[in-house]
N, C-alpha and C. Protein backbone atom coordinates (compact mmCIF):
# COMPACT_ATOMS: atom_id res chain seq x y z
N MET A 1 22.97 -93.97 25.62
CA MET A 1 24.21 -94.40 26.24
C MET A 1 24.54 -95.90 25.95
N ASN A 2 25.85 -96.02 25.60
CA ASN A 2 26.22 -97.66 25.10
C ASN A 2 26.81 -97.99 26.35
N PHE A 3 26.14 -99.18 26.66
CA PHE A 3 26.85 -99.96 27.90
C PHE A 3 27.60 -101.35 27.41
N ASN A 4 27.83 -101.62 26.19
CA ASN A 4 28.64 -102.67 25.49
C ASN A 4 29.95 -103.03 25.93
N GLN A 5 30.64 -101.82 26.33
CA GLN A 5 31.87 -101.90 26.99
C GLN A 5 32.11 -102.59 28.17
N ILE A 6 31.05 -102.84 28.71
CA ILE A 6 30.75 -103.66 30.21
C ILE A 6 30.62 -105.25 29.26
N ASN A 7 31.91 -106.09 29.72
CA ASN A 7 31.59 -107.12 28.90
C ASN A 7 31.32 -108.42 29.98
N ASN A 8 30.84 -108.04 31.16
CA ASN A 8 30.33 -109.18 31.77
C ASN A 8 28.64 -109.15 31.73
N GLN A 9 28.01 -109.87 31.39
CA GLN A 9 26.54 -109.65 30.81
C GLN A 9 25.57 -109.33 31.94
N VAL A 10 26.18 -109.93 33.28
CA VAL A 10 25.29 -109.80 34.33
C VAL A 10 25.32 -108.32 34.71
N VAL A 11 26.62 -107.92 34.79
CA VAL A 11 27.00 -106.35 35.34
C VAL A 11 26.49 -105.44 34.18
N ARG A 12 26.64 -105.46 32.86
CA ARG A 12 25.92 -104.71 31.95
C ARG A 12 24.28 -104.64 32.02
N TYR A 13 23.74 -105.89 32.35
CA TYR A 13 22.34 -105.76 32.48
C TYR A 13 21.89 -104.95 33.77
N ALA A 14 22.59 -105.14 34.65
CA ALA A 14 22.29 -104.41 35.95
C ALA A 14 22.44 -103.00 35.70
N VAL A 15 23.41 -102.41 35.18
CA VAL A 15 23.74 -101.01 35.19
C VAL A 15 22.74 -100.71 34.01
N GLU A 16 22.48 -101.24 33.04
CA GLU A 16 21.05 -100.73 32.01
C GLU A 16 19.88 -100.75 33.02
N ALA A 17 19.90 -101.69 33.55
CA ALA A 17 18.43 -101.50 34.61
C ALA A 17 18.68 -100.37 35.55
N LEU A 18 19.46 -100.41 35.92
CA LEU A 18 19.81 -99.19 37.13
C LEU A 18 19.34 -97.63 36.06
N HIS A 19 20.10 -97.48 35.10
CA HIS A 19 20.04 -96.36 34.25
C HIS A 19 18.75 -96.26 33.58
N GLY A 20 18.19 -97.13 33.30
CA GLY A 20 16.59 -97.21 32.48
C GLY A 20 15.57 -97.09 33.77
N GLY A 21 15.71 -97.42 35.26
CA GLY A 21 14.99 -97.28 35.83
C GLY A 21 14.25 -98.55 35.95
N ASN A 22 14.75 -99.63 35.58
CA ASN A 22 13.98 -100.93 35.45
C ASN A 22 14.25 -101.86 36.74
N ARG A 23 13.38 -101.64 37.93
CA ARG A 23 13.53 -102.37 38.69
C ARG A 23 13.19 -103.78 38.72
N GLY A 24 12.30 -104.43 38.16
CA GLY A 24 12.11 -105.79 37.95
C GLY A 24 13.58 -106.48 37.46
N GLN A 25 13.93 -105.70 36.31
CA GLN A 25 15.28 -106.48 35.63
C GLN A 25 16.23 -106.61 36.60
N PHE A 26 16.42 -105.25 37.59
CA PHE A 26 17.60 -105.17 38.46
C PHE A 26 17.43 -106.19 39.55
N GLU A 27 16.28 -106.31 40.17
CA GLU A 27 16.05 -107.36 40.98
C GLU A 27 16.12 -108.90 40.70
N ALA A 28 15.86 -109.07 39.50
CA ALA A 28 16.01 -110.44 38.66
C ALA A 28 17.45 -110.89 38.89
N LEU A 29 18.53 -109.79 38.75
CA LEU A 29 19.70 -110.01 38.64
C LEU A 29 20.40 -110.38 40.18
N LEU A 30 19.78 -110.03 41.14
CA LEU A 30 20.12 -110.32 42.36
C LEU A 30 19.95 -111.54 43.09
N ALA A 31 21.07 -112.15 43.57
CA ALA A 31 20.94 -113.07 44.42
C ALA A 31 20.10 -112.93 45.68
N PRO A 32 19.25 -113.93 46.23
CA PRO A 32 18.37 -113.36 47.41
C PRO A 32 19.20 -112.88 48.41
N ASP A 33 20.50 -113.12 48.90
CA ASP A 33 21.14 -112.43 49.98
C ASP A 33 22.03 -111.50 49.58
N ALA A 34 21.76 -110.79 48.45
CA ALA A 34 22.90 -109.80 47.83
C ALA A 34 23.15 -108.70 48.99
N GLN A 35 24.46 -108.54 49.05
CA GLN A 35 24.91 -107.46 50.06
C GLN A 35 25.46 -106.06 49.16
N LEU A 36 25.27 -105.25 49.89
CA LEU A 36 25.83 -103.99 49.47
C LEU A 36 26.45 -103.14 50.43
N VAL A 37 27.42 -102.56 49.96
CA VAL A 37 28.42 -101.48 50.39
C VAL A 37 28.54 -100.51 49.80
N HIS A 38 27.91 -99.42 50.51
CA HIS A 38 27.75 -98.24 49.72
C HIS A 38 28.64 -96.92 50.59
N ASN A 39 29.61 -96.29 49.83
CA ASN A 39 30.74 -95.58 50.67
C ASN A 39 31.25 -96.08 51.83
N ARG A 40 31.55 -97.09 51.75
CA ARG A 40 32.26 -98.12 52.86
C ARG A 40 31.35 -98.49 54.01
N HIS A 41 30.03 -98.25 53.81
CA HIS A 41 29.13 -98.51 54.78
C HIS A 41 27.94 -99.73 54.34
N PRO A 42 27.60 -100.69 55.15
CA PRO A 42 26.73 -101.54 54.66
C PRO A 42 25.23 -100.86 54.40
N ASP A 43 24.40 -101.13 53.46
CA ASP A 43 23.33 -100.92 53.39
C ASP A 43 22.55 -101.72 52.56
N ASP A 44 21.14 -101.76 52.40
CA ASP A 44 20.15 -102.57 51.66
C ASP A 44 20.24 -102.30 50.20
N ILE A 45 20.54 -103.23 49.60
CA ILE A 45 20.79 -102.99 47.90
C ILE A 45 19.61 -102.57 47.37
N ASN A 46 18.64 -102.87 47.81
CA ASN A 46 17.23 -102.60 47.03
C ASN A 46 16.56 -101.10 47.30
N GLN A 47 16.93 -100.75 48.83
CA GLN A 47 16.67 -99.51 49.15
C GLN A 47 17.49 -98.51 48.30
N TRP A 48 18.88 -99.01 48.39
CA TRP A 48 19.73 -98.03 47.59
C TRP A 48 19.49 -97.85 46.23
N ALA A 49 19.06 -98.77 45.68
CA ALA A 49 18.49 -98.70 43.97
C ALA A 49 17.39 -97.79 43.90
N THR A 50 16.64 -97.95 44.91
CA THR A 50 15.35 -97.31 44.70
C THR A 50 15.41 -95.72 44.93
N LEU A 51 16.31 -95.55 46.09
CA LEU A 51 16.46 -94.12 46.29
C LEU A 51 17.35 -93.51 45.25
N PHE A 52 18.54 -93.87 44.63
CA PHE A 52 19.25 -93.38 43.57
C PHE A 52 18.53 -93.30 42.36
N PHE A 53 18.21 -94.59 42.01
CA PHE A 53 18.12 -94.84 40.72
C PHE A 53 16.21 -95.07 40.24
N PHE A 54 15.79 -95.79 40.98
CA PHE A 54 14.18 -95.92 40.59
C PHE A 54 13.30 -94.64 40.77
N GLU A 55 13.77 -94.04 42.12
CA GLU A 55 12.78 -92.83 42.39
C GLU A 55 13.59 -91.62 42.37
N GLY A 56 15.00 -91.86 42.62
CA GLY A 56 15.63 -90.80 42.45
C GLY A 56 16.25 -90.11 40.79
N ASN A 57 16.01 -91.08 40.03
CA ASN A 57 16.19 -90.67 38.34
C ASN A 57 17.71 -89.97 38.21
N THR A 58 18.56 -90.95 38.85
CA THR A 58 20.23 -90.87 38.54
C THR A 58 20.12 -91.68 37.49
N LYS A 59 20.85 -91.07 36.65
CA LYS A 59 21.38 -91.64 35.58
C LYS A 59 22.90 -91.63 34.95
N PHE A 60 23.37 -92.58 34.47
CA PHE A 60 24.68 -92.87 34.12
C PHE A 60 25.11 -91.96 32.85
N THR A 61 25.91 -91.16 32.84
CA THR A 61 26.55 -90.20 31.90
C THR A 61 27.70 -90.71 31.10
N ALA A 62 28.52 -91.48 31.79
CA ALA A 62 29.48 -92.12 31.13
C ALA A 62 30.06 -93.54 31.86
N ILE A 63 30.44 -94.25 31.09
CA ILE A 63 31.26 -95.34 31.49
C ILE A 63 32.70 -94.88 31.04
N ASN A 64 33.79 -94.99 31.97
CA ASN A 64 34.94 -94.39 31.97
C ASN A 64 36.17 -95.38 31.66
N ARG A 65 35.81 -96.56 32.57
CA ARG A 65 36.80 -97.83 32.41
C ARG A 65 36.17 -99.01 33.03
N VAL A 66 36.48 -100.08 32.46
CA VAL A 66 35.90 -101.40 32.79
C VAL A 66 37.18 -102.45 32.95
N THR A 67 37.09 -103.22 34.34
CA THR A 67 38.08 -104.09 34.27
C THR A 67 37.86 -105.51 33.24
N GLU A 68 38.86 -106.16 33.05
CA GLU A 68 38.73 -106.88 31.85
C GLU A 68 37.74 -108.15 32.27
N ASP A 69 37.55 -108.30 33.74
CA ASP A 69 36.75 -109.29 33.72
C ASP A 69 34.92 -108.59 33.77
N GLY A 70 34.82 -107.48 33.63
CA GLY A 70 34.05 -106.77 33.45
C GLY A 70 33.05 -106.59 34.84
N GLN A 71 33.73 -106.64 35.90
CA GLN A 71 33.10 -106.79 37.20
C GLN A 71 33.12 -105.50 38.01
N THR A 72 34.22 -104.62 37.55
CA THR A 72 34.51 -103.40 38.22
C THR A 72 34.29 -102.11 37.18
N VAL A 73 33.36 -101.20 37.68
CA VAL A 73 32.86 -100.39 36.32
C VAL A 73 33.30 -98.78 37.24
N TRP A 74 34.05 -98.09 36.56
CA TRP A 74 34.21 -96.56 36.93
C TRP A 74 33.41 -95.94 35.94
N ALA A 75 32.49 -94.96 36.39
CA ALA A 75 31.57 -93.98 35.57
C ALA A 75 31.29 -92.80 36.06
N GLU A 76 30.48 -92.35 35.50
CA GLU A 76 29.86 -90.99 35.96
C GLU A 76 28.49 -91.05 36.19
N ILE A 77 27.66 -90.34 36.94
CA ILE A 77 26.40 -90.29 37.09
C ILE A 77 25.95 -89.02 37.31
N GLU A 78 24.79 -88.72 37.16
CA GLU A 78 24.16 -87.67 37.28
C GLU A 78 22.77 -87.48 38.14
N SER A 79 22.52 -87.10 39.09
CA SER A 79 21.63 -87.08 39.89
C SER A 79 20.88 -85.70 40.01
N PRO A 80 19.71 -85.62 40.27
CA PRO A 80 18.94 -84.06 40.37
C PRO A 80 19.60 -83.46 41.72
N VAL A 81 19.90 -84.48 42.63
CA VAL A 81 20.24 -83.96 44.21
C VAL A 81 21.93 -83.60 44.02
N ALA A 82 22.55 -84.74 43.45
CA ALA A 82 23.88 -84.62 43.89
C ALA A 82 24.99 -84.03 42.81
N GLY A 83 24.11 -83.89 41.26
CA GLY A 83 24.76 -83.52 40.36
C GLY A 83 25.82 -84.49 39.89
N LYS A 84 26.64 -84.01 39.16
CA LYS A 84 27.39 -85.09 38.40
C LYS A 84 28.70 -85.58 39.31
N ILE A 85 28.66 -86.98 39.56
CA ILE A 85 29.63 -87.48 40.16
C ILE A 85 30.52 -88.55 39.71
N ALA A 86 31.75 -88.79 39.81
CA ALA A 86 32.60 -90.06 39.66
C ALA A 86 31.68 -90.80 40.66
N VAL A 87 31.97 -92.38 40.13
CA VAL A 87 31.56 -93.55 41.05
C VAL A 87 32.38 -94.82 40.35
N LYS A 88 32.52 -95.65 41.31
CA LYS A 88 33.07 -96.88 41.01
C LYS A 88 32.45 -97.98 41.80
N LEU A 89 31.79 -98.99 40.66
CA LEU A 89 31.03 -100.01 41.28
C LEU A 89 31.79 -101.50 40.95
N ILE A 90 31.85 -102.09 42.13
CA ILE A 90 32.71 -103.34 42.08
C ILE A 90 31.54 -104.51 42.39
N PHE A 91 31.41 -105.34 41.37
CA PHE A 91 30.08 -106.45 41.27
C PHE A 91 30.85 -107.56 41.79
N THR A 92 30.35 -108.47 42.64
CA THR A 92 30.57 -109.75 42.60
C THR A 92 29.54 -110.55 42.33
N VAL A 93 29.81 -111.54 41.19
CA VAL A 93 28.77 -112.26 40.51
C VAL A 93 29.37 -113.75 40.45
N ALA A 94 28.16 -114.42 41.06
CA ALA A 94 28.44 -116.01 41.21
C ALA A 94 27.14 -116.58 40.36
N GLU A 95 27.28 -117.55 39.79
CA GLU A 95 26.13 -118.20 39.03
C GLU A 95 25.06 -117.47 38.44
N GLY A 96 25.50 -116.55 37.49
CA GLY A 96 24.55 -115.61 36.95
C GLY A 96 23.88 -114.81 37.82
N LYS A 97 24.10 -114.44 39.16
CA LYS A 97 23.50 -113.45 40.05
C LYS A 97 24.63 -112.85 40.78
N ILE A 98 24.11 -111.49 41.11
CA ILE A 98 24.98 -110.50 41.68
C ILE A 98 24.87 -110.77 43.17
N THR A 99 26.03 -111.16 44.02
CA THR A 99 25.92 -111.45 45.34
C THR A 99 26.33 -110.26 46.23
N ALA A 100 27.31 -109.46 45.43
CA ALA A 100 27.39 -108.38 46.31
C ALA A 100 27.84 -107.15 45.34
N LEU A 101 27.85 -105.91 45.75
CA LEU A 101 27.97 -104.69 45.24
C LEU A 101 28.60 -103.83 46.11
N ASP A 102 29.50 -103.19 45.71
CA ASP A 102 30.61 -102.37 46.69
C ASP A 102 30.45 -100.83 45.81
N ALA A 103 29.66 -100.12 46.07
CA ALA A 103 29.29 -98.79 45.19
C ALA A 103 29.83 -97.44 46.23
N GLY A 104 30.50 -96.67 45.17
CA GLY A 104 31.02 -95.34 45.97
C GLY A 104 31.68 -94.74 45.09
N ARG A 105 32.39 -93.58 45.57
CA ARG A 105 33.22 -92.85 44.87
C ARG A 105 34.85 -93.41 44.57
N PRO A 106 35.38 -93.29 43.53
CA PRO A 106 36.80 -93.73 43.46
C PRO A 106 37.43 -93.44 44.35
């Protein structure tokens, strides 16, 4: 899977970490108080990542579109539980760290 079309380095590394199940790399990119909204509901970003990617074996199957600033990604993921679904990930990055992520269906 080629993630090079994500031109924001922090976002690209985060998506690669999620895809590859690399918890340490993902957590290193998070600000200490990083916030998550998942399908319009506040959630814990570490629990979300663990549930879906690190233990849930969810993988990215396509990167469909990325905004010019590289902080919004439309993609497809596939999980053993949900199958293949379209997702939209809106990252907020400040000082090289992810401060917020809004993840859900487009």
